[in-house]
Amino acid sequence: MSTKMFNTHNDLAHEVRATIITLLNQQLADTFDLYSQTKQAHWNVKGMNFMQLHLFFDELAEGLLEYVDMIAERVTALGGYPLGTARMAAKDSTLPEFPTNIYQGKEILEVLAQRFGNYASTTRAAIETASEHGDQDTADLFTEVSRAIDKHLWFIDAHLQEA
C-alpha cells in the first residue's frame, strides 16, 4: 500500500504521518470491506428471524459507513490520500471473503461474529500503534470505532448465545 502525501501544516513529523496514513488506509480497507460484507448479510439472510436480522444487519452497516468516512477524512487531515474505492478495499482488506453459500440467520451471524471480532482486534492494535507514534487524535478515533465495534459484536454474539 503506497502512501501518497500532500504538504500540510500538521505538526506531526513526516515519518509519523506516513506511518499513520498507511495504518489509517489499512483500517479504511477493512472497515469498507466489513461494511460491504454486512450489507451482503443484510441482502441475503433467510429464515424465521429474517426481518429482525435484515434490519439489524442494515443498522450495523450504517454505523460502519460512518466510520469509513471518519477514517478517510483523518487520512486527508494528515495530508494523505485515502484509498477508499471498493476495489481498493477488496485488494487491501485483511478480512476473509464473505461466503456465498450461506443464507440462514445463524450461519450469517457466526460469520459476522468472526469478521467483527477480527476487525475489533486490528482496531485495538491500531490504537496502540497510533499512541506509540504520538498521534493521540488518531488513537482517539480508533478508540471510538473500537467501542462501537465491541458493542456491535456483543449484539451479534447475543444472538448466538444460549441462555
Protein backbone atom coordinates (compact mmCIF):
# COMPACT_ATOMS: atom_id res chain seq x y z
CA MET A 1 0.00 0.00 0.00
CA SER A 2 1.71 3.20 -1.11
CA THR A 3 1.40 6.40 0.90
CA LYS A 4 0.78 9.50 -1.20
CA MET A 5 1.24 12.66 0.85
CA PHE A 6 0.47 16.32 0.38
CA ASN A 7 2.05 19.31 2.09
CA THR A 8 0.34 20.19 5.35
CA HIS A 9 0.93 22.36 8.37
CA ASN A 10 0.14 19.44 10.68
CA ASP A 11 2.91 19.36 13.30
CA LEU A 12 3.33 15.56 13.33
CA ALA A 13 6.64 14.54 11.80
CA HIS A 14 6.51 13.47 8.14
CA GLU A 15 7.58 9.91 9.02
CA VAL A 16 4.89 9.67 11.69
CA ARG A 17 2.23 10.95 9.31
CA ALA A 18 3.35 8.46 6.65
CA THR A 19 3.11 5.58 9.13
CA ILE A 20 -0.29 6.69 10.43
CA ILE A 21 -1.68 7.29 6.93
CA THR A 22 -0.70 3.72 5.98
CA LEU A 23 -2.34 2.47 9.17
CA LEU A 24 -5.49 4.50 8.50
CA ASN A 25 -5.70 3.29 4.91
CA GLN A 26 -5.44 -0.32 6.11
CA GLN A 27 -8.26 0.24 8.59
CA LEU A 28 -10.21 2.05 5.86
CA ALA A 29 -9.94 -1.02 3.62
CA ASP A 30 -11.04 -3.34 6.43
CA THR A 31 -13.87 -1.03 7.51
CA PHE A 32 -15.23 -0.67 3.99
CA ASP A 33 -14.94 -4.43 3.45
CA LEU A 34 -16.73 -5.13 6.74
CA TYR A 35 -19.44 -2.67 5.67
CA SER A 36 -19.91 -4.47 2.34
CA GLN A 37 -19.94 -7.89 4.00
CA THR A 38 -22.56 -6.69 6.46
CA LYS A 39 -24.68 -5.40 3.57
CA GLN A 40 -24.23 -8.79 1.87
CA ALA A 41 -25.62 -10.39 5.02
CA HIS A 42 -28.49 -7.87 5.06
CA TRP A 43 -29.47 -8.65 1.47
CA ASN A 44 -29.21 -12.43 1.71
CA VAL A 45 -30.40 -13.51 5.15
CA LYS A 46 -33.25 -16.05 5.16
CA GLY A 47 -35.17 -17.92 7.82
CA MET A 48 -37.51 -17.46 10.75
CA ASN A 49 -35.82 -14.31 12.06
CA PHE A 50 -35.49 -12.71 8.64
CA MET A 51 -36.98 -9.31 9.42
CA GLN A 52 -35.19 -8.85 12.75
CA LEU A 53 -31.82 -9.80 11.24
CA HIS A 54 -32.41 -7.91 7.99
CA LEU A 55 -32.98 -4.70 9.96
CA PHE A 56 -30.19 -5.47 12.43
CA PHE A 57 -27.62 -6.01 9.68
CA ASP A 58 -28.66 -2.77 7.99
CA GLU A 59 -28.20 -0.88 11.26
CA LEU A 60 -24.73 -2.40 11.70
CA ALA A 61 -23.79 -1.42 8.14
CA GLU A 62 -24.95 2.18 8.62
CA GLY A 63 -22.69 2.53 11.65
CA LEU A 64 -19.71 1.15 9.73
CA LEU A 65 -20.28 3.56 6.85
CA GLU A 66 -19.96 6.46 9.29
CA TYR A 67 -16.55 5.16 10.35
CA VAL A 68 -15.44 4.72 6.72
CA ASP A 69 -15.95 8.45 6.27
CA MET A 70 -14.28 9.42 9.54
CA ILE A 71 -11.20 7.30 8.82
CA ALA A 72 -10.88 8.61 5.26
CA GLU A 73 -11.18 12.20 6.48
CA ARG A 74 -8.46 11.60 9.06
CA VAL A 75 -6.18 10.43 6.23
CA THR A 76 -6.76 13.73 4.42
CA ALA A 77 -6.29 15.74 7.63
CA LEU A 78 -2.78 14.27 7.86
CA GLY A 79 -2.03 15.19 4.25
CA GLY A 80 -2.66 11.70 2.92
CA TYR A 81 -4.69 10.23 0.11
CA PRO A 82 -7.46 7.85 1.23
CA LEU A 83 -7.57 4.59 -0.70
CA GLY A 84 -11.32 4.20 -0.45
CA THR A 85 -12.85 2.63 -3.53
CA ALA A 86 -14.49 -0.79 -3.36
CA ARG A 87 -11.69 -2.28 -5.48
CA MET A 88 -9.00 -0.72 -3.32
CA ALA A 89 -10.68 -2.07 -0.19
CA ALA A 90 -11.05 -5.54 -1.71
CA LYS A 91 -7.38 -5.58 -2.68
CA ASP A 92 -6.10 -4.39 0.70
CA SER A 93 -8.58 -5.84 3.21
CA THR A 94 -7.25 -8.33 5.74
CA LEU A 95 -10.72 -9.83 6.32
CA PRO A 96 -11.65 -13.18 4.81
CA GLU A 97 -14.18 -13.09 1.98
CA PHE A 98 -17.84 -13.48 2.85
CA PRO A 99 -19.04 -16.98 1.88
CA THR A 100 -21.54 -17.13 -0.97
CA ASN A 101 -23.15 -20.38 0.14
CA ILE A 102 -24.81 -19.34 3.41
CA TYR A 103 -28.26 -17.83 3.93
CA GLN A 104 -29.61 -18.89 7.30
CA GLY A 105 -29.50 -16.33 10.07
CA LYS A 106 -27.37 -18.35 12.49
CA GLU A 107 -24.73 -19.12 9.85
CA ILE A 108 -24.53 -15.48 8.83
CA LEU A 109 -24.33 -14.35 12.46
CA GLU A 110 -21.41 -16.74 13.01
CA VAL A 111 -19.56 -15.32 10.01
CA LEU A 112 -20.24 -11.74 11.08
CA ALA A 113 -19.13 -12.51 14.64
CA GLN A 114 -15.81 -13.74 13.29
CA ARG A 115 -15.40 -10.74 10.96
CA PHE A 116 -16.34 -8.18 13.62
CA GLY A 117 -14.04 -9.96 16.08
CA ASN A 118 -11.12 -9.78 13.63
CA TYR A 119 -11.84 -6.13 12.96
CA ALA A 120 -12.07 -5.35 16.69
CA SER A 121 -8.63 -6.89 17.16
CA THR A 122 -6.99 -4.89 14.36
CA THR A 123 -8.67 -1.73 15.62
CA ARG A 124 -7.20 -2.22 19.09
CA ALA A 125 -3.78 -2.79 17.52
CA ALA A 126 -4.26 0.43 15.52
CA ILE A 127 -4.98 2.33 18.76
CA GLU A 128 -1.69 1.05 20.16
CA THR A 129 0.27 1.95 17.02
CA ALA A 130 -1.17 5.46 16.82
CA SER A 131 -0.42 6.01 20.52
CA GLU A 132 3.15 4.74 20.16
CA HIS A 133 3.69 7.26 17.35
CA GLY A 134 2.31 10.16 19.38
CA ASP A 135 -0.87 10.65 17.34
CA GLN A 136 -3.48 10.81 20.07
CA ASP A 137 -6.15 12.14 17.69
CA THR A 138 -5.96 9.03 15.51
CA ALA A 139 -5.81 6.84 18.63
CA ASP A 140 -8.98 8.57 19.87
CA LEU A 141 -10.69 7.97 16.52
CA PHE A 142 -9.81 4.29 16.66
CA THR A 143 -10.95 4.14 20.30
CA GLU A 144 -14.35 5.48 19.26
CA VAL A 145 -14.54 2.87 16.50
CA SER A 146 -13.41 0.14 18.91
CA ARG A 147 -16.13 0.95 21.44
CA ALA A 148 -18.80 0.81 18.73
CA ILE A 149 -17.46 -2.42 17.23
CA ASP A 150 -17.33 -4.10 20.63
CA LYS A 151 -20.97 -3.11 21.19
CA HIS A 152 -21.94 -4.45 17.75
CA LEU A 153 -20.04 -7.66 18.46
CA TRP A 154 -21.87 -8.00 21.78
CA PHE A 155 -25.21 -7.71 19.94
CA ILE A 156 -24.13 -10.27 17.32
CA ASP A 157 -22.81 -12.68 19.97
CA ALA A 158 -26.04 -12.35 21.99
CA HIS A 159 -27.94 -13.87 19.07
CA LEU A 160 -25.63 -16.90 19.18
CA GLN A 161 -25.51 -17.47 22.93
CA GLU A 162 -27.69 -20.00 24.69
CA ALA A 163 -29.40 -18.89 27.91
